N, C-alpha and C. Protein backbone atom coordinates (compact mmCIF):
# COMPACT_ATOMS: atom_id res chain seq x y z
N UNK A 1 58.07 121.93 140.30
CA UNK A 1 59.25 122.01 140.00
C UNK A 1 59.91 120.30 140.29
N UNK A 2 59.31 119.76 141.08
CA UNK A 2 59.89 118.29 141.34
C UNK A 2 59.29 117.58 140.32
N UNK A 3 58.34 117.84 139.70
CA UNK A 3 57.45 116.94 138.63
C UNK A 3 58.46 117.07 137.19
N UNK A 4 59.00 118.14 137.01
CA UNK A 4 59.54 118.61 135.75
C UNK A 4 60.96 117.70 136.02
N UNK A 5 61.58 117.62 137.17
CA UNK A 5 62.83 117.01 137.38
C UNK A 5 62.70 115.37 137.03
N UNK A 6 61.37 114.99 137.59
CA UNK A 6 61.29 113.39 137.44
C UNK A 6 61.10 113.22 136.07
N UNK A 7 60.46 114.14 135.35
CA UNK A 7 60.11 113.76 133.80
C UNK A 7 61.66 113.77 132.95
N UNK A 8 62.32 114.59 133.43
CA UNK A 8 63.84 114.82 132.76
C UNK A 8 64.65 113.68 132.96
N UNK A 9 64.68 113.07 133.99
CA UNK A 9 65.12 111.69 134.68
C UNK A 9 64.48 110.63 133.68
N UNK A 10 63.28 110.39 133.82
CA UNK A 10 62.53 109.47 133.20
C UNK A 10 62.90 109.42 131.54
N UNK A 11 62.97 110.68 131.26
CA UNK A 11 63.62 110.81 129.58
C UNK A 11 64.77 110.35 129.32
N UNK A 12 65.45 110.87 130.42
CA UNK A 12 66.94 110.35 130.19
C UNK A 12 66.94 108.68 130.41
N UNK A 13 66.40 108.10 131.09
CA UNK A 13 66.52 106.62 131.27
C UNK A 13 65.97 106.09 130.32
N UNK A 14 64.85 106.55 129.49
CA UNK A 14 64.09 106.09 128.37
C UNK A 14 65.04 106.16 127.13
N UNK A 15 65.61 107.24 126.99
CA UNK A 15 66.78 107.25 125.90
C UNK A 15 67.79 106.39 126.07
N UNK A 16 68.54 106.13 127.32
CA UNK A 16 69.59 105.00 127.42
C UNK A 16 68.86 103.83 127.00
N UNK A 17 68.07 103.49 127.55
CA UNK A 17 67.46 102.02 127.18
C UNK A 17 67.06 102.04 125.95
N UNK A 18 66.44 103.07 125.09
CA UNK A 18 66.57 103.04 123.44
C UNK A 18 67.76 102.84 122.90
N UNK A 19 68.84 103.41 123.37
CA UNK A 19 70.07 103.35 122.85
C UNK A 19 70.38 101.79 123.07
N UNK A 20 70.51 101.16 124.00
CA UNK A 20 71.00 99.92 124.47
C UNK A 20 70.22 99.04 123.45
N UNK A 21 68.97 99.26 123.30
CA UNK A 21 68.35 97.98 122.51
C UNK A 21 68.60 98.31 121.06
N UNK A 22 68.89 99.44 120.67
CA UNK A 22 69.29 99.69 119.27
C UNK A 22 70.55 99.00 118.88
N UNK A 23 71.56 99.09 120.00
CA UNK A 23 72.98 98.51 119.50
C UNK A 23 72.80 97.29 119.91
N UNK A 24 71.90 96.50 120.74
CA UNK A 24 72.08 95.09 120.79
C UNK A 24 71.36 94.40 119.61
N UNK A 25 70.64 95.13 118.84
CA UNK A 25 69.87 94.67 117.42
C UNK A 25 70.81 94.58 116.44
N UNK A 26 71.54 95.97 116.34
CA UNK A 26 72.75 95.98 115.42
C UNK A 26 73.93 96.37 115.89
N UNK A 27 74.44 95.54 116.33
CA UNK A 27 75.97 95.80 116.73
C UNK A 27 76.74 96.15 115.69
N UNK A 28 77.58 97.32 116.09
CA UNK A 28 78.63 97.81 115.01
C UNK A 28 79.91 96.77 115.09
N UNK A 29 80.21 95.77 116.16
CA UNK A 29 81.18 95.12 115.72
C UNK A 29 80.81 93.93 114.75
N UNK A 30 79.65 93.99 114.29
CA UNK A 30 79.21 92.59 112.98
C UNK A 30 80.13 92.98 111.91
N UNK A 31 80.73 91.94 111.23
CA UNK A 31 81.66 92.27 110.20
C UNK A 31 80.92 92.12 109.09
N UNK A 32 80.87 92.83 107.99
CA UNK A 32 80.10 92.40 106.65
C UNK A 32 81.00 91.44 106.01
N UNK A 33 80.03 90.87 105.02
CA UNK A 33 80.94 89.91 104.17
C UNK A 33 81.25 90.64 102.95
N UNK A 34 82.46 90.36 102.67
CA UNK A 34 83.16 91.00 101.38
C UNK A 34 82.59 90.38 100.06
N UNK A 35 82.47 91.31 99.07
CA UNK A 35 82.14 90.85 97.93
C UNK A 35 83.12 89.86 97.31
N UNK A 36 83.09 88.98 96.67
CA UNK A 36 84.07 88.25 96.17
C UNK A 36 84.69 89.19 94.81
N UNK A 37 86.12 89.01 94.99
CA UNK A 37 86.80 89.81 94.05
C UNK A 37 86.82 88.92 92.86
N UNK A 38 86.93 89.89 91.59
CA UNK A 38 87.14 89.06 90.28
C UNK A 38 88.40 89.21 89.89
N UNK A 39 88.89 88.24 89.07
CA UNK A 39 90.27 88.15 88.54
C UNK A 39 90.63 89.56 87.79
N UNK A 40 91.56 90.10 87.78
CA UNK A 40 91.90 91.25 86.97
C UNK A 40 92.83 90.95 86.01
N UNK A 41 92.62 91.52 84.81
CA UNK A 41 93.45 91.00 83.43
C UNK A 41 93.86 92.54 82.99
N UNK A 42 94.79 92.65 82.14
CA UNK A 42 95.84 93.47 82.06
C UNK A 42 95.37 93.57 80.13
N UNK A 43 94.85 94.81 79.87
CA UNK A 43 94.76 95.25 78.53
C UNK A 43 95.86 95.10 77.70
N UNK A 44 95.83 93.97 76.57
CA UNK A 44 97.03 93.84 75.83
C UNK A 44 97.60 95.26 75.08
N UNK A 45 96.62 96.10 74.86
CA UNK A 45 96.89 97.51 74.19
C UNK A 45 97.71 98.48 74.99
N UNK A 46 96.86 98.82 76.22
CA UNK A 46 97.30 99.85 76.98
C UNK A 46 97.68 99.52 78.15
N UNK A 47 97.45 98.57 78.85
CA UNK A 47 97.93 98.07 79.95
C UNK A 47 97.27 98.27 81.18
N UNK A 48 96.03 98.73 81.03
CA UNK A 48 95.15 99.09 82.14
C UNK A 48 94.55 97.77 82.58
N UNK A 49 94.18 97.68 84.02
CA UNK A 49 93.74 96.34 84.32
C UNK A 49 92.14 96.64 84.49
N UNK A 50 91.58 95.43 84.21
CA UNK A 50 90.14 95.64 84.24
C UNK A 50 89.80 94.09 84.61
N UNK A 51 88.27 94.07 85.28
CA UNK A 51 88.10 92.61 85.81
C UNK A 51 87.78 91.83 84.65
N UNK A 52 87.88 90.38 84.70
CA UNK A 52 88.06 89.59 83.80
C UNK A 52 86.52 89.66 83.05
N UNK A 53 85.65 89.84 83.93
CA UNK A 53 84.10 89.65 83.44
C UNK A 53 83.79 90.66 82.72
N UNK A 54 84.65 91.95 82.76
CA UNK A 54 84.20 93.30 81.75
C UNK A 54 85.20 93.28 80.71
N UNK A 55 86.48 92.49 80.54
CA UNK A 55 87.30 92.52 79.58
C UNK A 55 86.60 91.74 78.37
N UNK A 56 87.16 92.16 76.96
CA UNK A 56 86.92 91.79 75.60
C UNK A 56 88.21 90.84 75.42
N UNK A 57 87.76 89.54 75.34
CA UNK A 57 88.72 88.49 75.07
C UNK A 57 89.16 88.15 73.64
N UNK A 58 90.18 88.18 73.09
CA UNK A 58 90.40 87.80 71.60
C UNK A 58 91.54 86.45 71.71
N UNK A 59 91.06 85.46 71.59
CA UNK A 59 92.04 84.26 71.78
C UNK A 59 92.58 84.13 72.94
N UNK A 60 93.94 84.53 73.50
CA UNK A 60 94.03 84.47 74.72
C UNK A 60 94.56 85.96 75.22
N UNK A 61 94.19 86.86 74.74
CA UNK A 61 94.65 88.47 74.89
C UNK A 61 93.37 88.91 75.39
N UNK A 62 93.37 90.03 76.41
CA UNK A 62 92.27 90.61 76.88
C UNK A 62 92.50 92.11 76.67
N UNK A 63 91.26 92.69 76.27
CA UNK A 63 91.44 94.26 75.95
C UNK A 63 90.11 94.92 77.03
N UNK A 64 90.31 95.96 76.92
CA UNK A 64 89.75 96.95 78.08
C UNK A 64 88.48 97.49 76.99
N UNK A 65 88.55 97.60 75.92
CA UNK A 65 87.65 98.12 74.91
C UNK A 65 87.76 97.40 73.60
N UNK A 66 86.77 97.62 72.90
CA UNK A 66 86.47 96.83 71.61
C UNK A 66 87.77 97.70 70.55
N UNK A 67 87.59 99.23 71.01
CA UNK A 67 88.64 99.94 70.02
C UNK A 67 90.22 99.53 70.12
N UNK A 68 90.49 99.03 71.19
CA UNK A 68 91.95 98.59 71.63
C UNK A 68 91.90 97.11 70.78
N UNK A 69 90.91 96.34 70.88
CA UNK A 69 90.90 95.31 70.47
C UNK A 69 91.09 95.28 68.77
N UNK A 70 90.46 96.16 68.14
CA UNK A 70 90.34 96.49 66.82
C UNK A 70 91.73 96.96 66.34
N UNK A 71 92.57 97.77 66.85
CA UNK A 71 93.59 98.72 66.86
C UNK A 71 94.83 97.57 66.81
N UNK A 72 94.51 96.43 67.76
CA UNK A 72 95.75 95.51 67.82
C UNK A 72 95.66 94.33 66.92
N UNK A 73 94.65 94.18 65.78
CA UNK A 73 94.63 92.90 65.01
C UNK A 73 95.73 93.66 63.93
């Protein structure tokens, strides 16, 4: 019975050491770098905001889809 108690204590200590090592390698307080935010533009037809790189531009106006660009001409 004494041997089982020692094994349980050793397993508990091993678990605590394992958790501490994992926390030291990957701390939860580490801040992740934020992705850069793209400028948002408003569709000239419906008013929906879309990222500038996804918008369809026609001269100085932006559209969310080609259908809205064609309807506005």
